[in-house]
Amino acid sequence: MPDLIHDLVNDRIQTLHREAAEQRLILRLSRVERARRRVDRANDRLRVALSRQV
């Protein structure tokens, strides 16, 4: 019985670690997407500014 409890605890710990890693990845991806949108907006502003120069 103690082995079963030990295995269940270890499985739960592994699940929590995996879920935490997934959350970190999701957070990184959302930061990258946000940065990409900022770059796109900056490129749009630059394109407009350059077209006014011509």
PDB file of N, CA and C in Angstrom:
ATOM      1  N   MET A   1       0.814  -1.213   0.000  1.00  0.00           N
ATOM      2  CA  MET A   1       0.000   0.000   0.000  1.00  0.00           C
ATOM      3  C   MET A   1       0.855   1.274   0.000  1.00  0.00           C
ATOM      4  N   PRO A   2       1.919   1.319   0.821  1.00  0.00           N
ATOM      5  CA  PRO A   2       2.739   2.539   0.783  1.00  0.00           C
ATOM      6  C   PRO A   2       3.328   2.789  -0.596  1.00  0.00           C
ATOM      7  N   ASP A   3       3.654   1.709  -1.326  1.00  0.00           N
ATOM      8  CA  ASP A   3       4.182   1.887  -2.687  1.00  0.00           C
ATOM      9  C   ASP A   3       3.158   2.534  -3.595  1.00  0.00           C
ATOM     10  N   LEU A   4       1.900   2.155  -3.443  1.00  0.00           N
ATOM     11  CA  LEU A   4       0.838   2.721  -4.256  1.00  0.00           C
ATOM     12  C   LEU A   4       0.695   4.217  -3.963  1.00  0.00           C
ATOM     13  N   ILE A   5       0.696   4.581  -2.706  1.00  0.00           N
ATOM     14  CA  ILE A   5       0.582   5.995  -2.327  1.00  0.00           C
ATOM     15  C   ILE A   5       1.788   6.760  -2.858  1.00  0.00           C
ATOM     16  N   HIS A   6       2.960   6.171  -2.720  1.00  0.00           N
ATOM     17  CA  HIS A   6       4.176   6.810  -3.215  1.00  0.00           C
ATOM     18  C   HIS A   6       4.090   7.035  -4.722  1.00  0.00           C
ATOM     19  N   ASP A   7       3.610   6.040  -5.450  1.00  0.00           N
ATOM     20  CA  ASP A   7       3.458   6.166  -6.907  1.00  0.00           C
ATOM     21  C   ASP A   7       2.439   7.241  -7.268  1.00  0.00           C
ATOM     22  N   LEU A   8       1.336   7.279  -6.524  1.00  0.00           N
ATOM     23  CA  LEU A   8       0.313   8.296  -6.791  1.00  0.00           C
ATOM     24  C   LEU A   8       0.855   9.703  -6.535  1.00  0.00           C
ATOM     25  N   VAL A   9       1.601   9.860  -5.461  1.00  0.00           N
ATOM     26  CA  VAL A   9       2.192  11.161  -5.151  1.00  0.00           C
ATOM     27  C   VAL A   9       3.180  11.557  -6.239  1.00  0.00           C
ATOM     28  N   ASN A  10       4.026  10.626  -6.660  1.00  0.00           N
ATOM     29  CA  ASN A  10       4.989  10.923  -7.723  1.00  0.00           C
ATOM     30  C   ASN A  10       4.291  11.286  -9.032  1.00  0.00           C
ATOM     31  N   ASP A  11       3.223  10.572  -9.371  1.00  0.00           N
ATOM     32  CA  ASP A  11       2.464  10.889 -10.586  1.00  0.00           C
ATOM     33  C   ASP A  11       1.883  12.293 -10.502  1.00  0.00           C
ATOM     34  N   ARG A  12       1.356  12.640  -9.339  1.00  0.00           N
ATOM     35  CA  ARG A  12       0.770  13.975  -9.174  1.00  0.00           C
ATOM     36  C   ARG A  12       1.839  15.056  -9.301  1.00  0.00           C
ATOM     37  N   ILE A  13       2.999  14.828  -8.712  1.00  0.00           N
ATOM     38  CA  ILE A  13       4.097  15.791  -8.800  1.00  0.00           C
ATOM     39  C   ILE A  13       4.525  15.968 -10.252  1.00  0.00           C
ATOM     40  N   GLN A  14       4.649  14.864 -10.977  1.00  0.00           N
ATOM     41  CA  GLN A  14       5.023  14.945 -12.398  1.00  0.00           C
ATOM     42  C   GLN A  14       3.975  15.700 -13.197  1.00  0.00           C
ATOM     43  N   THR A  15       2.696  15.456 -12.897  1.00  0.00           N
ATOM     44  CA  THR A  15       1.615  16.166 -13.591  1.00  0.00           C
ATOM     45  C   THR A  15       1.704  17.660 -13.321  1.00  0.00           C
ATOM     46  N   LEU A  16       1.937  18.043 -12.076  1.00  0.00           N
ATOM     47  CA  LEU A  16       2.047  19.461 -11.722  1.00  0.00           C
ATOM     48  C   LEU A  16       3.233  20.116 -12.426  1.00  0.00           C
ATOM     49  N   HIS A  17       4.347  19.406 -12.486  1.00  0.00           N
ATOM     50  CA  HIS A  17       5.517  19.936 -13.189  1.00  0.00           C
ATOM     51  C   HIS A  17       5.218  20.126 -14.674  1.00  0.00           C
ATOM     52  N   ARG A  18       4.552  19.149 -15.266  1.00  0.00           N
ATOM     53  CA  ARG A  18       4.209  19.223 -16.685  1.00  0.00           C
ATOM     54  C   ARG A  18       3.241  20.389 -16.942  1.00  0.00           C
ATOM     55  N   GLU A  19       2.246  20.536 -16.077  1.00  0.00           N
ATOM     56  CA  GLU A  19       1.293  21.632 -16.233  1.00  0.00           C
ATOM     57  C   GLU A  19       1.987  22.987 -16.074  1.00  0.00           C
ATOM     58  N   ALA A  20       2.915  23.089 -15.143  1.00  0.00           N
ATOM     59  CA  ALA A  20       3.648  24.343 -14.951  1.00  0.00           C
ATOM     60  C   ALA A  20       4.486  24.664 -16.185  1.00  0.00           C
ATOM     61  N   ALA A  21       5.114  23.645 -16.762  1.00  0.00           N
ATOM     62  CA  ALA A  21       5.911  23.855 -17.971  1.00  0.00           C
ATOM     63  C   ALA A  21       5.019  24.312 -19.124  1.00  0.00           C
ATOM     64  N   GLU A  22       3.825  23.720 -19.229  1.00  0.00           N
ATOM     65  CA  GLU A  22       2.888  24.135 -20.279  1.00  0.00           C
ATOM     66  C   GLU A  22       2.474  25.587 -20.087  1.00  0.00           C
ATOM     67  N   GLN A  23       2.215  25.986 -18.860  1.00  0.00           N
ATOM     68  CA  GLN A  23       1.819  27.371 -18.582  1.00  0.00           C
ATOM     69  C   GLN A  23       2.941  28.350 -18.921  1.00  0.00           C
ATOM     70  N   ARG A  24       4.180  27.964 -18.616  1.00  0.00           N
ATOM     71  CA  ARG A  24       5.314  28.829 -18.972  1.00  0.00           C
ATOM     72  C   ARG A  24       5.418  28.983 -20.482  1.00  0.00           C
ATOM     73  N   LEU A  25       5.193  27.902 -21.208  1.00  0.00           N
ATOM     74  CA  LEU A  25       5.236  27.956 -22.669  1.00  0.00           C
ATOM     75  C   LEU A  25       4.117  28.849 -23.216  1.00  0.00           C
ATOM     76  N   ILE A  26       2.918  28.705 -22.672  1.00  0.00           N
ATOM     77  CA  ILE A  26       1.790  29.536 -23.105  1.00  0.00           C
ATOM     78  C   ILE A  26       2.099  31.006 -22.861  1.00  0.00           C
ATOM     79  N   LEU A  27       2.679  31.309 -21.710  1.00  0.00           N
ATOM     80  CA  LEU A  27       3.020  32.688 -21.386  1.00  0.00           C
ATOM     81  C   LEU A  27       4.053  33.237 -22.368  1.00  0.00           C
ATOM     82  N   ARG A  28       5.075  32.426 -22.660  1.00  0.00           N
ATOM     83  CA  ARG A  28       6.094  32.865 -23.629  1.00  0.00           C
ATOM     84  C   ARG A  28       5.500  33.099 -25.002  1.00  0.00           C
ATOM     85  N   LEU A  29       4.614  32.199 -25.425  1.00  0.00           N
ATOM     86  CA  LEU A  29       3.990  32.349 -26.740  1.00  0.00           C
ATOM     87  C   LEU A  29       3.125  33.605 -26.805  1.00  0.00           C
ATOM     88  N   SER A  30       2.397  33.879 -25.730  1.00  0.00           N
ATOM     89  CA  SER A  30       1.560  35.085 -25.749  1.00  0.00           C
ATOM     90  C   SER A  30       2.425  36.341 -25.767  1.00  0.00           C
ATOM     91  N   ARG A  31       3.574  36.311 -25.102  1.00  0.00           N
ATOM     92  CA  ARG A  31       4.488  37.455 -25.152  1.00  0.00           C
ATOM     93  C   ARG A  31       5.052  37.648 -26.558  1.00  0.00           C
ATOM     94  N   VAL A  32       5.375  36.545 -27.215  1.00  0.00           N
ATOM     95  CA  VAL A  32       5.897  36.627 -28.590  1.00  0.00           C
ATOM     96  C   VAL A  32       4.829  37.180 -29.524  1.00  0.00           C
ATOM     97  N   GLU A  33       3.589  36.706 -29.369  1.00  0.00           N
ATOM     98  CA  GLU A  33       2.504  37.207 -30.223  1.00  0.00           C
ATOM     99  C   GLU A  33       2.283  38.697 -29.990  1.00  0.00           C
ATOM    100  N   ARG A  34       2.318  39.128 -28.740  1.00  0.00           N
ATOM    101  CA  ARG A  34       2.136  40.545 -28.427  1.00  0.00           C
ATOM    102  C   ARG A  34       3.260  41.377 -29.045  1.00  0.00           C
ATOM    103  N   ALA A  35       4.488  40.888 -28.924  1.00  0.00           N
ATOM    104  CA  ALA A  35       5.635  41.594 -29.506  1.00  0.00           C
ATOM    105  C   ALA A  35       5.511  41.649 -31.027  1.00  0.00           C
ATOM    106  N   ARG A  36       5.055  40.575 -31.619  1.00  0.00           N
ATOM    107  CA  ARG A  36       4.886  40.536 -33.077  1.00  0.00           C
ATOM    108  C   ARG A  36       3.849  41.568 -33.526  1.00  0.00           C
ATOM    109  N   ARG A  37       2.758  41.691 -32.778  1.00  0.00           N
ATOM    110  CA  ARG A  37       1.745  42.699 -33.114  1.00  0.00           C
ATOM    111  C   ARG A  37       2.321  44.108 -32.983  1.00  0.00           C
ATOM    112  N   ARG A  38       3.139  44.331 -31.956  1.00  0.00           N
ATOM    113  CA  ARG A  38       3.765  45.651 -31.802  1.00  0.00           C
ATOM    114  C   ARG A  38       4.689  45.946 -32.976  1.00  0.00           C
ATOM    115  N   VAL A  39       5.441  44.969 -33.419  1.00  0.00           N
ATOM    116  CA  VAL A  39       6.325  45.147 -34.572  1.00  0.00           C
ATOM    117  C   VAL A  39       5.507  45.444 -35.828  1.00  0.00           C
ATOM    118  N   ASP A  40       4.413  44.712 -36.007  1.00  0.00           N
ATOM    119  CA  ASP A  40       3.562  44.962 -37.173  1.00  0.00           C
ATOM    120  C   ASP A  40       3.028  46.390 -37.163  1.00  0.00           C
ATOM    121  N   ARG A  41       2.580  46.860 -35.996  1.00  0.00           N
ATOM    122  CA  ARG A  41       2.065  48.233 -35.913  1.00  0.00           C
ATOM    123  C   ARG A  41       3.173  49.251 -36.176  1.00  0.00           C
ATOM    124  N   ALA A  42       4.364  48.990 -35.649  1.00  0.00           N
ATOM    125  CA  ALA A  42       5.496  49.900 -35.889  1.00  0.00           C
ATOM    126  C   ALA A  42       5.850  49.916 -37.373  1.00  0.00           C
ATOM    127  N   ASN A  43       5.824  48.768 -38.016  1.00  0.00           N
ATOM    128  CA  ASN A  43       6.105  48.707 -39.458  1.00  0.00           C
ATOM    129  C   ASN A  43       5.061  49.492 -40.247  1.00  0.00           C
ATOM    130  N   ASP A  44       3.800  49.370 -39.825  1.00  0.00           N
ATOM    131  CA  ASP A  44       2.745  50.124 -40.501  1.00  0.00           C
ATOM    132  C   ASP A  44       2.984  51.628 -40.358  1.00  0.00           C
ATOM    133  N   ARG A  45       3.321  52.063 -39.141  1.00  0.00           N
ATOM    134  CA  ARG A  45       3.580  53.495 -38.930  1.00  0.00           C
ATOM    135  C   ARG A  45       4.772  53.965 -39.755  1.00  0.00           C
ATOM    136  N   LEU A  46       5.806  53.149 -39.826  1.00  0.00           N
ATOM    137  CA  LEU A  46       6.990  53.488 -40.601  1.00  0.00           C
ATOM    138  C   LEU A  46       6.669  53.584 -42.096  1.00  0.00           C
ATOM    139  N   ARG A  47       5.882  52.622 -42.562  1.00  0.00           N
ATOM    140  CA  ARG A  47       5.489  52.613 -43.984  1.00  0.00           C
ATOM    141  C   ARG A  47       4.710  53.900 -44.305  1.00  0.00           C
ATOM    142  N   VAL A  48       3.794  54.278 -43.434  1.00  0.00           N
ATOM    143  CA  VAL A  48       3.009  55.494 -43.655  1.00  0.00           C
ATOM    144  C   VAL A  48       3.933  56.720 -43.633  1.00  0.00           C
ATOM    145  N   ALA A  49       4.830  56.775 -42.678  1.00  0.00           N
ATOM    146  CA  ALA A  49       5.738  57.917 -42.582  1.00  0.00           C
ATOM    147  C   ALA A  49       6.623  58.018 -43.817  1.00  0.00           C
ATOM    148  N   LEU A  50       7.120  56.876 -44.283  1.00  0.00           N
ATOM    149  CA  LEU A  50       7.984  56.889 -45.460  1.00  0.00           C
ATOM    150  C   LEU A  50       7.206  57.281 -46.720  1.00  0.00           C
ATOM    151  N   SER A  51       5.959  56.853 -46.804  1.00  0.00           N
ATOM    152  CA  SER A  51       5.172  57.196 -47.998  1.00  0.00           C
ATOM    153  C   SER A  51       4.889  58.693 -48.031  1.00  0.00           C
ATOM    154  N   ARG A  52       4.831  59.324 -46.885  1.00  0.00           N
ATOM    155  CA  ARG A  52       4.618  60.770 -46.850  1.00  0.00           C
ATOM    156  C   ARG A  52       5.874  61.532 -47.253  1.00  0.00           C
ATOM    157  N   GLN A  53       7.030  60.890 -47.094  1.00  0.00           N
ATOM    158  CA  GLN A  53       8.303  61.531 -47.429  1.00  0.00           C
ATOM    159  C   GLN A  53       8.483  61.657 -48.939  1.00  0.00           C
ATOM    160  N   VAL A  54       7.889  60.751 -49.671  1.00  0.00           N
ATOM    161  CA  VAL A  54       8.105  60.687 -51.124  1.00  0.00           C
ATOM    162  C   VAL A  54       7.321  61.711 -51.875  1.00  0.00           C
TER     163      VAL A  54
END
